[in-house]
Amino acid sequence: MEAKFNHFDAAGNAVMVDVGGKAPTERAAAAEGTIKVSRPVLEAIKAGTAAKGDVLGVARVAGIMAAKRTWELIPLCHPLMLTHLSVDFEILEEACAVHAVCTARLTGKTGVEMEALTGVSAALLTIYDMCKAMDRSMELTDIRLVHKEGGKSGVYDREQ
């Protein structure tokens, strides 16, 4: 079955999807990503000694704030009344990296995948911004949706 792009009308014009006739359902999504850093940057993040302060604390707030404003950043996204947003980090010692996961939830008529992806992206970009004076070779990788539930398409879990 061929996927139908629903952000275009019959004439091919970009449009916001009309969700007015849909019933609200519980929806959730999680996205992840990683930033590879140098050993000195990782140590500064862990010790809280980066010149700009608490890197992961600020990145967490940035991710949450960005997810809340996804509709302002991504054309044709609906403004959503999110009921939960979180950004969590894991230090990956061997890989010399920080792994981030953004989770979003709501009861609504449209999904929250874009909010989770925006949140994790902004969190990782904030880590880069706060540490770039130490190392500009940091690399954001593997930003992707890992889970989504709710709506007519049901549950999606990315295979590992």
Protein backbone atom coordinates (compact mmCIF):
# COMPACT_ATOMS: atom_id res chain seq x y z
CA MET A 1 0.00 0.00 0.00
CA GLU A 2 1.40 3.39 -0.99
CA ALA A 3 1.56 6.05 1.75
CA LYS A 4 -0.63 9.10 1.21
CA PHE A 5 0.82 12.49 2.04
CA ASN A 6 -1.91 14.35 3.90
CA HIS A 7 -0.26 17.78 4.02
CA PHE A 8 -1.23 18.49 0.40
CA ASP A 9 -4.62 19.26 -1.12
CA ALA A 10 -5.87 17.92 -4.47
CA ALA A 11 -4.04 20.71 -6.31
CA GLY A 12 -0.73 19.94 -4.57
CA ASN A 13 -0.82 22.95 -2.23
CA ALA A 14 0.64 22.58 1.27
CA VAL A 15 -2.14 22.58 3.89
CA MET A 16 -2.54 21.96 7.59
CA VAL A 17 -4.38 18.67 8.13
CA ASP A 18 -7.96 19.17 9.35
CA VAL A 19 -8.26 17.16 12.57
CA GLY A 20 -11.61 18.71 13.54
CA GLY A 21 -13.62 15.54 13.02
CA LYS A 22 -11.24 13.27 14.93
CA ALA A 23 -11.93 12.09 18.47
CA PRO A 24 -9.27 12.88 21.07
CA THR A 25 -7.21 9.87 22.17
CA GLU A 26 -4.28 9.29 24.50
CA ARG A 27 -1.09 9.80 22.50
CA ALA A 28 2.58 9.48 23.33
CA ALA A 29 5.91 9.55 21.52
CA ALA A 30 9.57 9.20 22.39
CA ALA A 31 12.57 10.23 20.33
CA GLU A 32 16.25 9.75 20.95
CA GLY A 33 19.59 11.06 19.80
CA THR A 34 23.22 11.17 20.77
CA ILE A 35 26.00 13.74 20.79
CA LYS A 36 29.55 12.46 20.52
CA VAL A 37 31.99 14.64 22.44
CA SER A 38 35.66 14.69 23.36
CA ARG A 39 36.80 13.19 26.66
CA PRO A 40 37.45 16.66 28.22
CA VAL A 41 33.93 17.79 27.26
CA LEU A 42 32.37 14.65 28.72
CA GLU A 43 34.32 15.12 31.95
CA ALA A 44 33.22 18.79 32.16
CA ILE A 45 29.59 17.79 31.61
CA LYS A 46 29.78 15.11 34.31
CA ALA A 47 31.60 17.36 36.80
CA GLY A 48 29.44 20.40 36.11
CA THR A 49 32.54 22.45 35.31
CA ALA A 50 31.68 23.66 31.80
CA ALA A 51 32.15 27.43 31.57
CA LYS A 52 28.47 28.02 30.77
CA GLY A 53 27.22 26.01 33.77
CA ASP A 54 25.00 22.96 34.22
CA VAL A 55 25.01 21.61 30.67
CA LEU A 56 22.45 18.83 31.10
CA GLY A 57 20.13 20.93 33.27
CA VAL A 58 20.01 23.72 30.71
CA ALA A 59 19.72 21.22 27.83
CA ARG A 60 16.76 19.54 29.56
CA VAL A 61 14.92 22.86 29.87
CA ALA A 62 15.79 23.81 26.28
CA GLY A 63 14.41 20.51 24.99
CA ILE A 64 11.17 20.93 26.90
CA MET A 65 10.76 24.54 25.78
CA ALA A 66 11.44 23.64 22.14
CA ALA A 67 8.99 20.74 22.17
CA LYS A 68 6.30 23.09 23.50
CA ARG A 69 6.93 25.43 20.56
CA THR A 70 7.17 22.84 17.78
CA TRP A 71 4.10 24.31 16.06
CA GLU A 72 6.01 27.60 15.71
CA LEU A 73 9.09 25.92 14.23
CA ILE A 74 7.75 23.22 11.90
CA PRO A 75 5.33 24.39 9.20
CA LEU A 76 1.84 22.85 9.31
CA CYS A 77 2.18 21.40 12.84
CA HIS A 78 -0.78 21.97 15.14
CA PRO A 79 -0.40 23.81 18.44
CA LEU A 80 -0.88 21.15 21.12
CA MET A 81 -1.89 21.11 24.77
CA LEU A 82 0.84 18.76 25.96
CA THR A 83 0.25 17.02 29.28
CA HIS A 84 3.80 15.72 29.74
CA LEU A 85 7.27 16.43 28.42
CA SER A 86 10.53 15.04 29.69
CA VAL A 87 14.12 14.99 28.50
CA ASP A 88 16.44 12.44 30.06
CA PHE A 89 20.14 11.89 29.55
CA GLU A 90 22.53 8.96 29.82
CA ILE A 91 26.30 9.38 29.83
CA LEU A 92 27.88 6.83 27.48
CA GLU A 93 31.40 6.48 28.91
CA GLU A 94 32.85 4.08 26.35
CA ALA A 95 31.38 5.95 23.37
CA CYS A 96 32.35 9.31 24.91
CA ALA A 97 28.84 10.59 24.26
CA VAL A 98 25.59 11.77 25.80
CA HIS A 99 22.38 9.99 24.82
CA ALA A 100 19.11 11.93 25.13
CA VAL A 101 15.48 10.80 25.10
CA CYS A 102 12.51 13.16 24.85
CA THR A 103 9.07 11.84 25.76
CA ALA A 104 5.82 13.71 25.03
CA ARG A 105 2.20 12.90 25.93
CA LEU A 106 -1.24 14.40 25.49
CA THR A 107 -4.88 13.63 24.99
CA GLY A 108 -5.67 15.05 21.60
CA LYS A 109 -6.53 14.71 17.94
CA THR A 110 -3.00 14.54 16.55
CA GLY A 111 0.23 12.85 17.52
CA VAL A 112 3.28 14.17 19.33
CA GLU A 113 6.09 12.66 17.27
CA MET A 114 7.30 16.03 16.02
CA GLU A 115 7.34 17.41 19.56
CA ALA A 116 9.50 14.52 20.79
CA LEU A 117 11.88 14.90 17.82
CA THR A 118 12.09 18.67 18.26
CA GLY A 119 12.72 18.30 21.98
CA VAL A 120 15.57 15.83 21.64
CA SER A 121 17.13 17.87 18.81
CA ALA A 122 17.05 21.11 20.81
CA ALA A 123 18.49 19.37 23.88
CA LEU A 124 21.43 18.03 21.87
CA LEU A 125 21.96 21.38 20.12
CA THR A 126 22.07 23.05 23.53
CA ILE A 127 24.79 20.66 24.69
CA TYR A 128 26.73 21.61 21.57
CA ASP A 129 26.20 25.32 22.19
CA MET A 130 27.24 25.14 25.82
CA CYS A 131 30.40 23.14 25.06
CA LYS A 132 31.53 24.49 21.69
CA ALA A 133 34.21 26.69 23.27
CA MET A 134 35.93 23.46 24.36
CA ASP A 135 35.38 21.44 21.16
CA ARG A 136 33.66 22.25 17.89
CA SER A 137 34.05 18.71 16.53
CA MET A 138 31.07 17.33 18.49
CA GLU A 139 28.68 15.28 16.37
CA LEU A 140 24.91 14.86 16.71
CA THR A 141 23.85 11.39 15.58
CA ASP A 142 20.97 8.94 15.40
CA ILE A 143 18.11 11.36 16.02
CA ARG A 144 15.01 9.24 15.50
CA LEU A 145 11.55 8.30 16.68
CA VAL A 146 11.68 5.23 18.91
CA HIS A 147 8.07 4.94 20.09
CA LYS A 148 4.64 6.30 19.27
CA GLU A 149 1.18 5.31 20.38
CA GLY A 150 -2.36 6.53 19.92
CA GLY A 151 -4.44 7.51 16.94
CA LYS A 152 -5.54 5.34 14.05
CA SER A 153 -2.05 4.10 13.20
CA GLY A 154 -1.67 2.52 16.64
CA VAL A 155 1.66 1.67 18.23
CA TYR A 156 5.05 2.02 16.59
CA ASP A 157 8.21 0.74 18.25
CA ARG A 158 11.50 1.12 16.42
CA GLU A 159 13.28 -2.19 16.13
CA GLN A 160 16.69 -2.16 17.77
